Amino acid sequence: MKFFVRLYTYFRRGWSLVSIPVAFVNFDLITYRLLVEHVPALKSLFPSLWVYTVALVVVGVPVLIVGGYLDLKYGTAPFETTRISRYSPWHRSLMRALKYMAEGRNEEAKKELEQWVER
């Protein structure tokens, strides 16, 4: 079973390497064909797909980086991190173990952490 879980993990990581470029090409083609080609003002601004793609990269990548930064700092990411750490059994167990260690109750901390160690 561990073998298949490991293969699935490798698959997901590999898929994320492929999905971002594919999603970009998909977005680029769809917006050009359905929007730019049918709006005369945009068609004169972006006469070919290559010009549109370069403009999309030059403008879009910095905008997405700034948007991602703002989301991590002020958006939903801090809320999600807090929620995950509050409701995740693994995080709660780890926090209990740290509390036990700070109080000098090392045996209880070991018992708490044993459930997460692979055998």
N, C-alpha and C. Protein backbone atom coordinates (compact mmCIF):
# COMPACT_ATOMS: atom_id res chain seq x y z
N MET A 1 0.82 -1.20 0.00
CA MET A 1 0.00 0.00 0.00
C MET A 1 0.86 1.26 0.00
N LYS A 2 1.96 1.25 0.80
CA LYS A 2 2.84 2.41 0.84
C LYS A 2 3.40 2.73 -0.53
N PHE A 3 3.66 1.69 -1.31
CA PHE A 3 4.22 1.87 -2.64
C PHE A 3 3.27 2.68 -3.53
N PHE A 4 1.96 2.35 -3.47
CA PHE A 4 0.98 3.06 -4.29
C PHE A 4 0.76 4.48 -3.80
N VAL A 5 0.83 4.69 -2.50
CA VAL A 5 0.71 6.04 -1.96
C VAL A 5 1.89 6.88 -2.43
N ARG A 6 3.07 6.30 -2.42
CA ARG A 6 4.26 7.01 -2.89
C ARG A 6 4.14 7.33 -4.38
N LEU A 7 3.66 6.36 -5.17
CA LEU A 7 3.48 6.60 -6.61
C LEU A 7 2.46 7.72 -6.83
N TYR A 8 1.38 7.71 -6.07
CA TYR A 8 0.37 8.75 -6.20
C TYR A 8 0.95 10.12 -5.85
N THR A 9 1.78 10.18 -4.81
CA THR A 9 2.41 11.44 -4.43
C THR A 9 3.31 11.94 -5.55
N TYR A 10 4.10 11.05 -6.13
CA TYR A 10 4.96 11.44 -7.25
C TYR A 10 4.12 11.91 -8.44
N PHE A 11 3.02 11.24 -8.71
CA PHE A 11 2.14 11.62 -9.80
C PHE A 11 1.58 13.03 -9.59
N ARG A 12 1.10 13.32 -8.37
CA ARG A 12 0.54 14.65 -8.10
C ARG A 12 1.58 15.74 -8.27
N ARG A 13 2.80 15.48 -7.78
CA ARG A 13 3.85 16.49 -7.94
C ARG A 13 4.22 16.67 -9.40
N GLY A 14 4.30 15.59 -10.15
CA GLY A 14 4.59 15.69 -11.57
C GLY A 14 3.47 16.37 -12.32
N TRP A 15 2.23 16.09 -11.95
CA TRP A 15 1.09 16.71 -12.60
C TRP A 15 1.10 18.22 -12.38
N SER A 16 1.50 18.67 -11.19
CA SER A 16 1.54 20.11 -10.95
C SER A 16 2.59 20.79 -11.83
N LEU A 17 3.65 20.07 -12.19
CA LEU A 17 4.65 20.64 -13.09
C LEU A 17 4.10 20.80 -14.50
N VAL A 18 3.18 19.93 -14.90
CA VAL A 18 2.60 19.98 -16.24
C VAL A 18 1.38 20.90 -16.27
N SER A 19 0.60 20.92 -15.21
CA SER A 19 -0.69 21.61 -15.26
C SER A 19 -0.56 23.12 -15.37
N ILE A 20 0.45 23.72 -14.79
CA ILE A 20 0.57 25.18 -14.85
C ILE A 20 0.84 25.64 -16.29
N PRO A 21 1.83 25.07 -17.00
CA PRO A 21 2.00 25.50 -18.40
C PRO A 21 0.79 25.19 -19.28
N VAL A 22 0.16 24.05 -19.06
CA VAL A 22 -1.03 23.71 -19.85
C VAL A 22 -2.17 24.69 -19.56
N ALA A 23 -2.35 25.05 -18.31
CA ALA A 23 -3.40 26.02 -17.96
C ALA A 23 -3.10 27.38 -18.58
N PHE A 24 -1.83 27.78 -18.60
CA PHE A 24 -1.48 29.06 -19.21
C PHE A 24 -1.79 29.06 -20.71
N VAL A 25 -1.37 28.01 -21.41
CA VAL A 25 -1.64 27.93 -22.85
C VAL A 25 -3.14 27.91 -23.10
N ASN A 26 -3.87 27.18 -22.30
CA ASN A 26 -5.33 27.11 -22.42
C ASN A 26 -5.95 28.50 -22.25
N PHE A 27 -5.57 29.19 -21.20
CA PHE A 27 -6.09 30.54 -20.95
C PHE A 27 -5.73 31.48 -22.09
N ASP A 28 -4.49 31.41 -22.53
CA ASP A 28 -4.00 32.27 -23.60
C ASP A 28 -4.81 32.06 -24.89
N LEU A 29 -4.95 30.82 -25.30
CA LEU A 29 -5.68 30.54 -26.55
C LEU A 29 -7.16 30.89 -26.46
N ILE A 30 -7.80 30.52 -25.37
CA ILE A 30 -9.23 30.77 -25.24
C ILE A 30 -9.52 32.27 -25.20
N THR A 31 -8.77 33.02 -24.40
CA THR A 31 -9.05 34.46 -24.33
C THR A 31 -8.74 35.15 -25.64
N TYR A 32 -7.70 34.71 -26.34
CA TYR A 32 -7.40 35.34 -27.63
C TYR A 32 -8.49 35.03 -28.65
N ARG A 33 -8.85 33.76 -28.77
CA ARG A 33 -9.83 33.37 -29.79
C ARG A 33 -11.23 33.90 -29.50
N LEU A 34 -11.64 33.90 -28.24
CA LEU A 34 -13.01 34.30 -27.92
C LEU A 34 -13.16 35.79 -27.59
N LEU A 35 -12.09 36.45 -27.20
CA LEU A 35 -12.20 37.86 -26.82
C LEU A 35 -11.49 38.77 -27.81
N VAL A 36 -10.19 38.58 -27.95
CA VAL A 36 -9.40 39.51 -28.75
C VAL A 36 -9.82 39.50 -30.21
N GLU A 37 -10.04 38.35 -30.78
CA GLU A 37 -10.40 38.28 -32.19
C GLU A 37 -11.78 38.89 -32.49
N HIS A 38 -12.65 39.03 -31.50
CA HIS A 38 -14.00 39.52 -31.73
C HIS A 38 -14.21 40.97 -31.29
N VAL A 39 -13.20 41.57 -30.69
CA VAL A 39 -13.30 42.97 -30.27
C VAL A 39 -12.31 43.76 -31.12
N PRO A 40 -12.80 44.61 -32.02
CA PRO A 40 -11.90 45.30 -32.95
C PRO A 40 -10.79 46.13 -32.29
N ALA A 41 -11.10 46.77 -31.17
CA ALA A 41 -10.07 47.58 -30.48
C ALA A 41 -8.95 46.68 -29.97
N LEU A 42 -9.30 45.53 -29.42
CA LEU A 42 -8.29 44.60 -28.93
C LEU A 42 -7.53 43.95 -30.08
N LYS A 43 -8.22 43.68 -31.17
CA LYS A 43 -7.58 43.07 -32.34
C LYS A 43 -6.53 44.01 -32.93
N SER A 44 -6.80 45.31 -32.91
CA SER A 44 -5.79 46.25 -33.42
C SER A 44 -4.63 46.39 -32.44
N LEU A 45 -4.90 46.23 -31.15
CA LEU A 45 -3.84 46.30 -30.14
C LEU A 45 -2.97 45.04 -30.16
N PHE A 46 -3.59 43.89 -30.35
CA PHE A 46 -2.89 42.60 -30.40
C PHE A 46 -3.16 41.94 -31.75
N PRO A 47 -2.40 42.28 -32.78
CA PRO A 47 -2.69 41.76 -34.11
C PRO A 47 -2.43 40.26 -34.28
N SER A 48 -1.61 39.67 -33.42
CA SER A 48 -1.35 38.23 -33.52
C SER A 48 -1.34 37.60 -32.14
N LEU A 49 -1.45 36.31 -32.14
CA LEU A 49 -1.43 35.56 -30.88
C LEU A 49 -0.10 35.74 -30.15
N TRP A 50 1.00 35.84 -30.91
CA TRP A 50 2.31 36.00 -30.27
C TRP A 50 2.42 37.32 -29.52
N VAL A 51 1.92 38.39 -30.10
CA VAL A 51 1.95 39.70 -29.42
C VAL A 51 1.11 39.63 -28.14
N TYR A 52 -0.05 39.01 -28.24
CA TYR A 52 -0.92 38.87 -27.07
C TYR A 52 -0.24 38.03 -25.99
N THR A 53 0.42 36.94 -26.38
CA THR A 53 1.09 36.07 -25.41
C THR A 53 2.22 36.81 -24.70
N VAL A 54 3.02 37.56 -25.45
CA VAL A 54 4.10 38.32 -24.83
C VAL A 54 3.53 39.35 -23.85
N ALA A 55 2.49 40.04 -24.27
CA ALA A 55 1.86 41.03 -23.38
C ALA A 55 1.29 40.35 -22.14
N LEU A 56 0.70 39.20 -22.33
CA LEU A 56 0.13 38.46 -21.20
C LEU A 56 1.21 38.06 -20.21
N VAL A 57 2.35 37.62 -20.70
CA VAL A 57 3.45 37.22 -19.81
C VAL A 57 4.04 38.45 -19.12
N VAL A 58 4.29 39.51 -19.88
CA VAL A 58 4.93 40.70 -19.32
C VAL A 58 4.04 41.37 -18.27
N VAL A 59 2.74 41.41 -18.51
CA VAL A 59 1.84 42.05 -17.56
C VAL A 59 1.29 41.05 -16.55
N GLY A 60 0.91 39.87 -17.02
CA GLY A 60 0.22 38.90 -16.17
C GLY A 60 1.06 38.29 -15.08
N VAL A 61 2.30 37.93 -15.38
CA VAL A 61 3.14 37.28 -14.37
C VAL A 61 3.39 38.19 -13.17
N PRO A 62 3.81 39.46 -13.36
CA PRO A 62 3.96 40.32 -12.17
C PRO A 62 2.67 40.55 -11.41
N VAL A 63 1.55 40.68 -12.13
CA VAL A 63 0.27 40.88 -11.45
C VAL A 63 -0.08 39.65 -10.61
N LEU A 64 0.14 38.47 -11.15
CA LEU A 64 -0.15 37.25 -10.39
C LEU A 64 0.78 37.08 -9.20
N ILE A 65 2.05 37.46 -9.35
CA ILE A 65 2.98 37.39 -8.22
C ILE A 65 2.54 38.32 -7.11
N VAL A 66 2.19 39.55 -7.46
CA VAL A 66 1.72 40.50 -6.44
C VAL A 66 0.42 40.00 -5.81
N GLY A 67 -0.48 39.46 -6.62
CA GLY A 67 -1.73 38.92 -6.07
C GLY A 67 -1.49 37.76 -5.13
N GLY A 68 -0.58 36.87 -5.48
CA GLY A 68 -0.24 35.76 -4.60
C GLY A 68 0.39 36.23 -3.29
N TYR A 69 1.26 37.23 -3.39
CA TYR A 69 1.89 37.79 -2.19
C TYR A 69 0.82 38.40 -1.27
N LEU A 70 -0.06 39.20 -1.86
CA LEU A 70 -1.10 39.84 -1.04
C LEU A 70 -2.03 38.81 -0.42
N ASP A 71 -2.33 37.73 -1.14
CA ASP A 71 -3.17 36.68 -0.57
C ASP A 71 -2.47 35.99 0.59
N LEU A 72 -1.17 35.71 0.43
CA LEU A 72 -0.44 35.07 1.53
C LEU A 72 -0.34 35.96 2.75
N LYS A 73 -0.19 37.27 2.54
CA LYS A 73 -0.03 38.18 3.67
C LYS A 73 -1.36 38.60 4.30
N TYR A 74 -2.35 38.93 3.45
CA TYR A 74 -3.56 39.56 3.96
C TYR A 74 -4.86 38.86 3.57
N GLY A 75 -4.78 37.89 2.70
CA GLY A 75 -5.99 37.26 2.18
C GLY A 75 -6.43 36.06 2.99
N THR A 76 -6.80 35.02 2.27
CA THR A 76 -7.35 33.84 2.93
C THR A 76 -6.29 32.91 3.49
N ALA A 77 -5.04 33.03 3.06
CA ALA A 77 -4.00 32.10 3.50
C ALA A 77 -3.78 32.13 5.02
N PRO A 78 -3.67 33.30 5.66
CA PRO A 78 -3.52 33.27 7.12
C PRO A 78 -4.70 32.62 7.83
N PHE A 79 -5.91 32.89 7.34
CA PHE A 79 -7.10 32.28 7.93
C PHE A 79 -7.07 30.77 7.76
N GLU A 80 -6.72 30.31 6.54
CA GLU A 80 -6.67 28.87 6.28
C GLU A 80 -5.61 28.19 7.13
N THR A 81 -4.46 28.82 7.30
CA THR A 81 -3.39 28.24 8.12
C THR A 81 -3.86 28.10 9.57
N THR A 82 -4.51 29.11 10.07
CA THR A 82 -5.03 29.05 11.44
C THR A 82 -6.08 27.95 11.57
N ARG A 83 -6.97 27.87 10.60
CA ARG A 83 -8.04 26.86 10.64
C ARG A 83 -7.47 25.46 10.57
N ILE A 84 -6.52 25.25 9.69
CA ILE A 84 -5.91 23.93 9.54
C ILE A 84 -5.21 23.52 10.84
N SER A 85 -4.44 24.45 11.41
CA SER A 85 -3.72 24.09 12.62
C SER A 85 -4.65 23.88 13.81
N ARG A 86 -5.80 24.53 13.79
CA ARG A 86 -6.74 24.36 14.90
C ARG A 86 -7.50 23.04 14.81
N TYR A 87 -7.85 22.61 13.60
CA TYR A 87 -8.71 21.44 13.45
C TYR A 87 -7.99 20.18 12.98
N SER A 88 -6.74 20.27 12.64
CA SER A 88 -5.99 19.11 12.18
C SER A 88 -5.59 18.24 13.38
N PRO A 89 -5.90 16.96 13.37
CA PRO A 89 -5.51 16.09 14.48
C PRO A 89 -3.99 16.06 14.66
N TRP A 90 -3.26 16.09 13.55
CA TRP A 90 -1.80 16.05 13.62
C TRP A 90 -1.26 17.30 14.31
N HIS A 91 -1.76 18.46 13.94
CA HIS A 91 -1.31 19.70 14.57
C HIS A 91 -1.68 19.75 16.04
N ARG A 92 -2.90 19.35 16.36
CA ARG A 92 -3.32 19.37 17.77
C ARG A 92 -2.44 18.44 18.60
N SER A 93 -2.15 17.27 18.05
CA SER A 93 -1.31 16.32 18.77
C SER A 93 0.10 16.87 18.96
N LEU A 94 0.63 17.48 17.93
CA LEU A 94 1.97 18.06 18.01
C LEU A 94 2.01 19.18 19.04
N MET A 95 0.98 20.01 19.09
CA MET A 95 0.94 21.09 20.07
C MET A 95 0.83 20.55 21.49
N ARG A 96 0.04 19.47 21.66
CA ARG A 96 -0.04 18.85 22.99
C ARG A 96 1.33 18.31 23.41
N ALA A 97 2.03 17.67 22.47
CA ALA A 97 3.35 17.12 22.78
C ALA A 97 4.33 18.24 23.15
N LEU A 98 4.28 19.35 22.44
CA LEU A 98 5.16 20.48 22.77
C LEU A 98 4.82 21.04 24.15
N LYS A 99 3.53 21.10 24.45
CA LYS A 99 3.13 21.59 25.77
C LYS A 99 3.64 20.65 26.86
N TYR A 100 3.49 19.35 26.64
CA TYR A 100 4.00 18.38 27.62
C TYR A 100 5.51 18.52 27.80
N MET A 101 6.22 18.72 26.70
CA MET A 101 7.68 18.86 26.80
C MET A 101 8.05 20.12 27.57
N ALA A 102 7.33 21.21 27.34
CA ALA A 102 7.61 22.46 28.04
C ALA A 102 7.34 22.32 29.54
N GLU A 103 6.39 21.46 29.89
CA GLU A 103 6.06 21.23 31.29
C GLU A 103 6.95 20.16 31.92
N GLY A 104 7.85 19.58 31.12
CA GLY A 104 8.75 18.54 31.63
C GLY A 104 8.12 17.16 31.66
N ARG A 105 6.99 16.97 31.02
CA ARG A 105 6.29 15.68 31.00
C ARG A 105 6.66 14.95 29.70
N ASN A 106 7.92 14.56 29.61
CA ASN A 106 8.46 13.99 28.37
C ASN A 106 7.85 12.64 28.01
N GLU A 107 7.52 11.82 28.99
CA GLU A 107 6.93 10.51 28.68
C GLU A 107 5.56 10.67 28.03
N GLU A 108 4.78 11.62 28.52
CA GLU A 108 3.48 11.87 27.91
C GLU A 108 3.65 12.42 26.49
N ALA A 109 4.67 13.25 26.30
CA ALA A 109 4.95 13.78 24.96
C ALA A 109 5.32 12.64 24.02
N LYS A 110 6.13 11.71 24.48
CA LYS A 110 6.50 10.56 23.64
C LYS A 110 5.27 9.74 23.26
N LYS A 111 4.39 9.49 24.22
CA LYS A 111 3.17 8.73 23.93
C LYS A 111 2.31 9.46 22.89
N GLU A 112 2.24 10.76 23.03
CA GLU A 112 1.43 11.55 22.09
C GLU A 112 1.99 11.46 20.67
N LEU A 113 3.31 11.48 20.55
CA LEU A 113 3.94 11.48 19.23
C LEU A 113 4.06 10.08 18.62
N GLU A 114 3.99 9.05 19.44
CA GLU A 114 4.15 7.67 18.92
C GLU A 114 3.10 7.31 17.89
N GLN A 115 1.92 7.86 17.99
CA GLN A 115 0.86 7.51 17.05
C GLN A 115 1.16 7.99 15.64
N TRP A 116 2.09 8.95 15.48
CA TRP A 116 2.40 9.49 14.16
C TRP A 116 3.67 8.92 13.56
N VAL A 117 4.36 8.07 14.30
CA VAL A 117 5.60 7.48 13.82
C VAL A 117 5.28 6.19 13.09
N GLU A 118 5.85 6.06 11.88
CA GLU A 118 5.65 4.81 11.10
C GLU A 118 6.41 3.68 11.76
N ARG A 119 5.81 2.52 11.69
CA ARG A 119 6.48 1.34 12.25
C ARG A 119 6.89 0.42 11.16
